Amino acid sequence: MGDSEQVSASCVFCAIVAGQAPAVVVRQWDDVIAIRPLNPVTPGHVLVIPHTHVADVGEDLAVSARAMACAAELAGLLPAANVITSKGTVATQTVFHLHLHVVPRAEGDALPLPWTPQQSAA
C-alpha cells in the first residue's frame, strides 16, 4: 500500500490488503484487490476491495468509482453476474471497508437477492 492510502488497524480488509491476514487473491491492481470470500454464495464469487480504507460506497466517490471499475472488469468476463455493495447495517453491511461482491449467476442457482420477498411462515 502506498503512503497516501488510509488504513484502519482494526479492519480485516486492511489487514488482507497489507498482507497481514490470509486470503486467496484472485486479481490485483495497483490500488484494488479481488479475493475469494470465506463463504462464497456461488462458484467464482469474489470480493473487490480498494486498498484505501473507506467505510462504504458513499464515503469517497473516487475510491468507489475505481473499485466499481475493477468489479466491472471482472463481471465483464462472465455471462451473467450480480455486482453488489451495501451501505450501512440496515442494508446488510457487516464489514465497514468498502467492498463489492461480484457474484457469477447461472440459470436455476436459486440464490435470492437481499430484496427477494421472504416467504411468510404461515
Protein backbone atom coordinates (compact mmCIF):
# COMPACT_ATOMS: atom_id res chain seq x y z
CA MET A 1 0.00 0.00 0.00
CA GLY A 2 1.20 3.49 -0.75
CA ASP A 3 1.82 6.08 1.94
CA SER A 4 -1.18 8.14 0.84
CA GLU A 5 -3.63 5.30 1.36
CA GLN A 6 -5.71 5.27 4.52
CA VAL A 7 -5.71 2.12 6.64
CA SER A 8 -7.51 1.03 9.77
CA ALA A 9 -5.64 -1.08 12.31
CA SER A 10 -8.83 -2.94 13.28
CA CYS A 11 -10.07 -3.64 9.74
CA VAL A 12 -9.77 -7.19 8.39
CA PHE A 13 -9.78 -5.97 4.78
CA CYS A 14 -6.94 -3.51 5.51
CA ALA A 15 -5.00 -6.43 7.03
CA ILE A 16 -5.63 -8.55 3.93
CA VAL A 17 -4.54 -5.74 1.60
CA ALA A 18 -1.38 -5.26 3.71
CA GLY A 19 -0.60 -9.00 3.52
CA GLN A 20 -1.07 -9.37 7.28
CA ALA A 21 -4.12 -11.66 7.07
CA PRO A 22 -4.65 -14.67 4.81
CA ALA A 23 -6.76 -14.51 1.67
CA VAL A 24 -6.98 -16.20 -1.69
CA VAL A 25 -6.11 -13.41 -4.11
CA VAL A 26 -7.82 -13.70 -7.49
CA ARG A 27 -6.64 -10.44 -9.08
CA GLN A 28 -4.60 -7.39 -8.11
CA TRP A 29 -4.44 -3.89 -9.47
CA ASP A 30 -2.23 -1.09 -8.12
CA ASP A 31 -4.95 0.14 -5.76
CA VAL A 32 -7.56 -2.63 -5.61
CA ILE A 33 -7.54 -6.35 -4.79
CA ALA A 34 -10.01 -9.14 -5.60
CA ILE A 35 -10.21 -12.10 -3.21
CA ARG A 36 -12.33 -15.19 -2.65
CA PRO A 37 -14.74 -14.70 0.26
CA LEU A 38 -14.68 -17.18 3.14
CA ASN A 39 -18.22 -18.30 2.28
CA PRO A 40 -18.84 -17.85 -1.45
CA VAL A 41 -22.50 -17.88 -2.40
CA THR A 42 -21.83 -19.20 -5.92
CA PRO A 43 -18.75 -20.68 -7.59
CA GLY A 44 -16.46 -17.85 -8.65
CA HIS A 45 -17.83 -15.29 -6.15
CA VAL A 46 -15.17 -12.65 -5.41
CA LEU A 47 -14.85 -9.54 -3.25
CA VAL A 48 -13.34 -6.44 -4.83
CA ILE A 49 -11.66 -4.29 -2.18
CA PRO A 50 -9.88 -0.95 -2.58
CA HIS A 51 -6.56 -0.57 -0.75
CA THR A 52 -7.77 2.73 0.72
CA HIS A 53 -9.92 2.30 3.81
CA VAL A 54 -13.28 3.95 3.23
CA ALA A 55 -16.30 2.75 5.16
CA ASP A 56 -18.72 2.42 2.27
CA VAL A 57 -19.65 3.39 -1.27
CA GLY A 58 -20.77 6.89 -0.21
CA GLU A 59 -17.62 7.98 1.62
CA ASP A 60 -15.16 8.68 -1.22
CA LEU A 61 -16.55 8.82 -4.74
CA ALA A 62 -13.16 8.40 -6.46
CA VAL A 63 -12.31 5.28 -4.45
CA SER A 64 -15.81 3.89 -5.02
CA ALA A 65 -15.61 4.54 -8.77
CA ARG A 66 -12.21 2.85 -9.02
CA ALA A 67 -13.42 -0.22 -7.11
CA MET A 68 -16.51 -0.38 -9.31
CA ALA A 69 -14.37 -0.18 -12.47
CA CYS A 70 -12.36 -3.19 -11.27
CA ALA A 71 -15.54 -5.08 -10.36
CA ALA A 72 -16.98 -4.26 -13.80
CA GLU A 73 -13.82 -5.60 -15.43
CA LEU A 74 -14.30 -8.94 -13.65
CA ALA A 75 -18.06 -9.02 -14.27
CA GLY A 76 -17.42 -8.38 -17.95
CA LEU A 77 -15.70 -11.76 -18.17
CA LEU A 78 -18.86 -13.56 -17.00
CA PRO A 79 -22.01 -14.41 -18.96
CA ALA A 80 -24.19 -13.32 -16.00
CA ALA A 81 -23.39 -11.74 -12.63
CA ASN A 82 -24.57 -9.52 -9.83
CA VAL A 83 -22.30 -6.70 -8.67
CA ILE A 84 -23.45 -5.71 -5.19
CA THR A 85 -22.29 -3.45 -2.38
CA SER A 86 -24.05 -2.41 0.80
CA LYS A 87 -24.01 0.86 2.75
CA GLY A 88 -24.95 0.61 6.40
CA THR A 89 -26.07 -2.10 8.78
CA VAL A 90 -29.71 -1.82 7.71
CA ALA A 91 -28.59 -2.57 4.15
CA THR A 92 -26.76 -5.74 5.33
CA GLN A 93 -23.24 -4.24 5.50
CA THR A 94 -21.18 -6.22 8.04
CA VAL A 95 -17.59 -5.17 7.23
CA PHE A 96 -17.15 -1.40 7.19
CA HIS A 97 -14.49 -1.22 4.48
CA LEU A 98 -15.91 -0.69 1.01
CA HIS A 99 -16.15 -3.95 -0.92
CA LEU A 100 -18.10 -5.13 -3.92
CA HIS A 101 -19.35 -8.65 -4.45
CA VAL A 102 -19.03 -9.99 -7.98
CA VAL A 103 -21.38 -12.97 -7.94
CA PRO A 104 -21.49 -15.19 -11.02
CA ARG A 105 -25.02 -16.37 -11.75
CA ALA A 106 -26.35 -19.46 -13.50
CA GLU A 107 -29.84 -20.43 -14.54
CA GLY A 108 -31.56 -22.14 -11.62
CA ASP A 109 -28.90 -21.31 -9.00
CA ALA A 110 -31.74 -20.32 -6.62
CA LEU A 111 -29.65 -17.60 -4.96
CA PRO A 112 -32.03 -14.98 -3.56
CA LEU A 113 -31.11 -11.31 -3.64
CA PRO A 114 -31.38 -9.16 -0.49
CA TRP A 115 -34.60 -7.65 -1.83
CA THR A 116 -36.21 -11.00 -2.71
CA PRO A 117 -39.52 -11.14 -0.81
CA GLN A 118 -39.34 -13.59 2.09
CA GLN A 119 -41.93 -16.33 2.30
CA SER A 120 -44.08 -15.98 5.40
CA ALA A 121 -44.09 -18.94 7.78
CA ALA A 122 -47.88 -19.12 7.97
